[in-house]
Protein backbone atom coordinates (compact mmCIF):
# COMPACT_ATOMS: atom_id res chain seq x y z
CA MET A 1 -0.03 -0.04 -0.02
CA GLY A 2 1.46 3.31 -0.94
CA ARG A 3 2.10 6.21 1.50
CA LYS A 4 -0.62 8.30 -0.46
CA LYS A 5 -3.17 5.81 -0.13
CA ARG A 6 -2.39 5.18 3.58
CA ARG A 7 -2.87 9.01 4.16
CA THR A 8 -6.12 8.89 2.23
CA GLU A 9 -7.54 6.06 4.15
CA ALA A 10 -6.36 7.67 7.42
CA LEU A 11 -8.03 11.06 6.59
CA ARG A 12 -11.18 9.16 5.52
CA GLY A 13 -11.32 7.48 8.88
CA GLU A 14 -10.66 10.75 10.84
CA LEU A 15 -13.42 12.42 8.73
CA LEU A 16 -15.86 9.65 9.53
CA GLY A 17 -14.95 9.65 13.11
CA VAL A 18 -15.62 13.39 13.34
CA ALA A 19 -19.19 12.80 11.61
CA ALA A 20 -19.99 10.08 13.95
CA GLU A 21 -19.02 12.23 17.00
CA LEU A 22 -21.17 15.15 15.37
CA LEU A 23 -24.21 12.83 14.80
CA GLU A 24 -24.16 11.64 18.34
CA SER A 25 -23.62 14.91 20.00
CA GLY A 26 -25.98 17.02 17.80
CA GLY A 27 -28.13 14.70 15.62
CA SER A 28 -28.26 14.62 11.90
CA GLY A 29 -28.58 18.27 11.77
CA ALA A 30 -25.06 18.72 13.17
CA VAL A 31 -23.47 16.63 10.25
CA THR A 32 -22.40 18.90 7.48
CA THR A 33 -19.41 18.87 5.29
CA ARG A 34 -18.18 22.24 6.82
CA ALA A 35 -18.31 20.91 10.30
CA VAL A 36 -16.77 17.59 9.60
CA ALA A 37 -14.02 19.05 7.70
CA ALA A 38 -13.25 21.83 10.52
CA GLY A 39 -13.49 19.04 13.07
CA ALA A 40 -10.84 17.27 11.32
CA GLY A 41 -8.67 20.16 10.40
CA SER A 42 -9.39 19.42 6.90
CA SER A 43 -11.24 21.05 4.15
CA GLN A 44 -14.83 20.48 2.44
CA ALA A 45 -13.20 19.76 -0.75
CA ALA A 46 -11.48 16.60 0.94
CA VAL A 47 -14.77 15.65 2.25
CA ASN A 48 -16.64 15.94 -1.03
CA GLU A 49 -13.68 14.12 -2.71
CA LEU A 50 -13.58 11.09 -0.21
CA PHE A 51 -17.39 10.92 0.45
CA GLY A 52 -19.15 12.63 -2.35
CA GLY A 53 -20.77 15.34 -0.13
CA LYS A 54 -23.19 14.84 2.91
CA ALA A 55 -25.08 11.95 0.99
CA GLY A 56 -21.69 10.02 1.01
CA LEU A 57 -21.18 10.92 4.79
CA ALA A 58 -24.69 9.58 5.57
CA ARG A 59 -24.15 6.46 3.72
CA ALA A 60 -20.73 5.82 5.51
CA LEU A 61 -22.25 6.44 8.79
CA PHE A 62 -25.08 3.95 7.76
CA ALA A 63 -22.41 1.40 6.93
CA GLU A 64 -20.42 2.39 10.28
CA GLY A 65 -23.55 1.66 12.39
CA PHE A 66 -24.24 -1.73 10.97
CA GLY A 67 -20.53 -2.63 11.16
CA ARG A 68 -20.46 -1.73 15.02
CA LEU A 69 -23.62 -3.54 15.85
CA ALA A 70 -22.64 -6.56 13.91
CA GLY A 71 -19.35 -6.56 15.88
CA GLU A 72 -21.11 -6.51 19.12
CA LEU A 73 -23.68 -9.30 18.07
CA ARG A 74 -20.66 -11.52 16.98
CA ALA A 75 -19.22 -11.05 20.59
CA LEU A 76 -22.22 -12.56 22.33
CA GLU A 77 -21.45 -15.97 23.56
CA GLY A 78 -24.13 -18.76 23.09
CA SER A 79 -25.47 -20.26 26.59
CA GLY A 80 -26.92 -23.36 25.11
CA ASP A 81 -30.34 -22.11 25.59
CA ALA A 82 -31.72 -21.21 22.32
CA GLU A 83 -34.43 -19.02 23.69
CA ALA A 84 -32.31 -17.19 25.97
CA ASP A 85 -29.74 -16.62 23.20
CA VAL A 86 -32.21 -14.90 21.19
CA LEU A 87 -33.31 -12.60 24.05
CA ASP A 88 -29.73 -11.72 24.64
CA LEU A 89 -29.49 -10.70 20.92
CA ALA A 90 -32.53 -8.60 21.23
CA LEU A 91 -31.17 -6.81 24.33
CA ALA A 92 -27.74 -6.11 22.69
CA VAL A 93 -29.63 -4.39 20.09
CA ARG A 94 -31.59 -2.38 22.46
CA SER A 95 -28.48 -1.58 24.39
CA PHE A 96 -26.85 -0.19 21.17
CA ALA A 97 -30.00 1.91 20.46
CA HIS A 98 -29.62 3.52 23.91
CA ARG A 99 -25.83 4.24 23.62
CA CYS A 100 -26.04 5.39 20.09
CA PRO A 101 -29.66 6.79 19.52
CA HIS A 102 -28.60 8.93 16.52
CA LEU A 103 -26.59 6.27 14.83
CA TYR A 104 -29.46 3.81 15.26
CA GLU A 105 -31.66 6.32 13.77
CA VAL A 106 -29.48 6.50 10.55
CA MET A 107 -29.48 2.80 10.30
CA PHE A 108 -33.35 2.18 10.69
CA SER A 109 -34.88 5.56 9.95
CA ARG A 110 -34.15 8.35 7.43
CA PRO A 111 -32.80 11.45 9.25
CA PHE A 112 -30.89 12.61 6.28
CA ALA A 113 -32.92 13.92 3.37
CA GLU A 114 -29.80 13.54 1.06
CA PHE A 115 -29.62 9.66 1.70
CA ARG A 116 -31.91 6.93 0.90
CA PRO A 117 -30.34 3.44 1.07
CA GLY A 118 -30.53 1.38 -2.29
CA PRO A 119 -29.80 -2.28 -2.67
CA GLU A 120 -26.12 -1.73 -2.46
CA ASP A 121 -26.40 -0.11 0.93
CA ALA A 122 -28.55 -2.85 2.10
CA ARG A 123 -25.57 -5.17 2.08
CA ALA A 124 -24.36 -3.52 5.29
CA ALA A 125 -27.16 -5.17 7.25
CA GLU A 126 -26.41 -8.77 5.95
CA GLU A 127 -24.15 -9.87 8.64
CA ILE A 128 -26.69 -8.61 11.27
CA TYR A 129 -29.42 -10.30 9.49
CA ALA A 130 -27.57 -13.78 9.24
CA ILE A 131 -26.88 -13.69 13.01
CA VAL A 132 -30.45 -13.10 14.02
CA VAL A 133 -31.58 -15.77 11.42
CA GLY A 134 -29.26 -18.15 12.93
CA ARG A 135 -30.16 -17.70 16.37
CA VAL A 136 -33.86 -17.68 15.55
CA ALA A 137 -33.39 -20.84 13.73
CA GLY A 138 -32.22 -22.62 16.79
CA VAL A 139 -35.37 -21.79 18.63
CA LEU A 140 -37.64 -23.08 15.81
CA GLY A 141 -35.94 -26.36 15.79
CA PRO A 142 -35.05 -28.64 12.70
CA GLY A 143 -38.81 -29.46 12.01
CA ARG A 144 -39.76 -26.07 10.93
CA ALA A 145 -41.35 -25.42 7.41
CA LYS A 146 -38.78 -24.36 4.73
CA GLY A 147 -38.24 -20.51 5.03
CA THR A 148 -39.87 -19.83 8.20
CA ALA A 149 -36.42 -18.88 10.14
CA LYS A 150 -36.23 -16.02 7.83
CA ASP A 151 -39.84 -15.00 8.31
CA ALA A 152 -39.58 -15.48 12.10
CA ALA A 153 -36.34 -13.43 12.16
CA ILE A 154 -37.86 -10.54 10.24
CA GLY A 155 -40.97 -10.42 12.46
CA LEU A 156 -38.99 -10.61 15.55
CA PHE A 157 -36.58 -7.89 14.53
CA ALA A 158 -39.64 -5.70 13.82
CA THR A 159 -41.03 -6.42 17.18
CA VAL A 160 -37.70 -5.48 18.65
CA GLN A 161 -37.49 -2.11 16.69
CA GLY A 162 -41.26 -1.36 17.64
CA LEU A 163 -40.49 -1.92 21.29
CA ILE A 164 -37.23 0.35 21.12
CA GLY A 165 -39.29 2.96 19.70
CA LEU A 166 -41.96 2.87 22.35
CA GLU A 167 -39.30 2.93 25.07
CA SER A 168 -37.55 5.84 23.50
CA SER A 169 -40.80 7.65 23.53
CA GLY A 170 -41.35 6.70 27.19
CA LEU A 171 -44.39 4.49 26.49
CA LEU A 172 -43.24 1.25 27.17
CA GLY A 173 -43.42 1.36 30.84
CA SER A 174 -43.57 3.88 33.92
CA GLY A 175 -39.88 3.53 34.52
CA PRO A 176 -36.89 1.50 33.69
CA GLU A 177 -37.81 -1.59 35.54
CA SER A 178 -41.35 -1.85 34.13
CA ALA A 179 -39.99 -1.08 30.54
CA ASP A 180 -37.40 -3.72 30.91
CA HIS A 181 -39.77 -6.18 32.21
CA ARG A 182 -42.28 -5.54 29.33
CA PHE A 183 -39.59 -5.66 26.80
CA ARG A 184 -38.39 -9.24 28.00
CA PHE A 185 -41.94 -10.18 28.43
CA VAL A 186 -43.23 -9.27 24.83
CA LEU A 187 -39.99 -10.58 23.12
CA THR A 188 -40.32 -13.99 24.86
CA ALA A 189 -44.08 -14.34 23.99
CA ALA A 190 -43.38 -13.29 20.41
CA LEU A 191 -40.55 -15.59 19.95
CA ARG A 192 -42.76 -18.43 21.44
CA GLY A 193 -45.68 -17.55 19.22
CA LEU A 194 -43.44 -17.61 16.10
CA ALA A 195 -42.04 -20.84 17.02
CA ASP A 196 -45.46 -22.41 17.31
CA ALA A 197 -46.33 -20.74 13.90
CA ALA A 198 -43.23 -22.13 12.30
CA SER A 199 -43.89 -25.75 13.41
CA ALA A 200 -47.43 -25.64 12.46
CA GLY A 201 -47.72 -23.15 9.46
CA GLU A 202 -47.40 -23.61 5.77
CA PRO A 203 -43.97 -23.40 4.20
CA SER A 204 -42.69 -19.80 3.44
CA ARG A 205 -43.12 -18.43 -0.10
CA GLU A 206 -39.54 -17.13 0.16
CA ALA A 207 -36.86 -19.59 1.27
């Protein structure tokens, strides 16, 4: 790798780090090419060249968020209890959302008007998707209808996102303890219901 390429990659990483800091401290509105350049002691021209403007910064943050979350989910150790392992996965996603709310918003909402993920961007979520499907499949068991692990994983993740949204709005419980109880209760009930449906239902239309 040439010296110029190393410098370019180092600058790109520094600019992305500044963008992530601005995002978490001030939300999507704080992330501008001018602010990112100033924070890194660089120029707007460099930001535009390396990221293609604000839309490119948003795209990089989108991928960064999925990369960080995937790393945390990979680090989770299995307990041998398939149901508990899925709950641990959901709790890890919830913890990430609490710690990095604005980054989580970039991943699962659309706070940047300049950026709308396309098919290529969706690849950033593939590892997380595979981890979730793998753990959910362990709960459904080997007798499940073909394709239902995917269906159940999507349904479960949608439930997780909905609960996180309610909690962030203060609508999941009257306090941290009640919100935590409700999160665990609903996820466990949803997972068991999905497992029952997978064992008795029709094969998925999409394998």
